[in-house]
Amino acid sequence: MFQALRQGLERFPITWNHVIDKESLKIKTLEQVLIEKVCQLFRNLL
């Protein structure tokens, strides 16, 4: 089973994985910015 999975993953270029990791990091960063902005908004309303 793992052999088949490994062979399937070998079809994807390494750069694709790198791009996916970079996009994931961007999403996480934007999520943190959004959370902080919402917290600021609620603090200003109090």
Protein backbone atom coordinates (compact mmCIF):
# COMPACT_ATOMS: atom_id res chain seq x y z
CA MET A 1 0.00 0.00 0.00
CA PHE A 2 2.71 2.49 0.97
CA GLN A 3 4.68 1.53 -2.12
CA ALA A 4 1.76 2.56 -4.34
CA LEU A 5 1.33 5.81 -2.42
CA ARG A 6 5.01 6.61 -2.71
CA GLN A 7 4.95 5.95 -6.46
CA GLY A 8 1.92 8.21 -6.84
CA LEU A 9 3.64 11.04 -4.97
CA GLU A 10 6.74 10.73 -7.13
CA ARG A 11 4.70 11.95 -10.08
CA PHE A 12 4.37 15.42 -8.53
CA PRO A 13 7.31 17.75 -9.00
CA ILE A 14 9.00 18.89 -5.79
CA THR A 15 8.28 22.51 -6.70
CA TRP A 16 4.54 21.84 -6.48
CA ASN A 17 4.92 20.80 -2.87
CA HIS A 18 6.95 23.94 -2.21
CA VAL A 19 4.28 26.13 -3.80
CA ILE A 20 1.56 24.42 -1.77
CA ASP A 21 3.57 25.00 1.43
CA LYS A 22 4.03 28.67 0.56
CA GLU A 23 0.32 29.13 -0.13
CA SER A 24 -0.55 27.37 3.11
CA LEU A 25 1.75 29.73 5.00
CA LYS A 26 0.15 32.75 3.30
CA ILE A 27 -3.31 31.54 4.28
CA LYS A 28 -2.25 31.00 7.90
CA THR A 29 -0.65 34.46 7.99
CA LEU A 30 -3.76 36.10 6.54
CA GLU A 31 -5.91 34.20 9.03
CA GLN A 32 -3.85 35.59 11.92
CA VAL A 33 -4.12 39.13 10.53
CA LEU A 34 -7.87 38.76 10.18
CA ILE A 35 -8.21 37.47 13.74
CA GLU A 36 -6.19 40.40 15.06
CA LYS A 37 -8.28 42.92 13.10
CA VAL A 38 -11.53 41.43 14.41
CA CYS A 39 -10.17 41.54 17.97
CA GLN A 40 -9.21 45.20 17.49
CA LEU A 41 -12.68 45.96 16.17
CA PHE A 42 -14.36 44.41 19.19
CA ARG A 43 -11.96 46.18 21.58
CA ASN A 44 -12.83 49.51 19.96
CA LEU A 45 -16.56 48.83 20.36
CA LEU A 46 -16.24 48.33 24.13
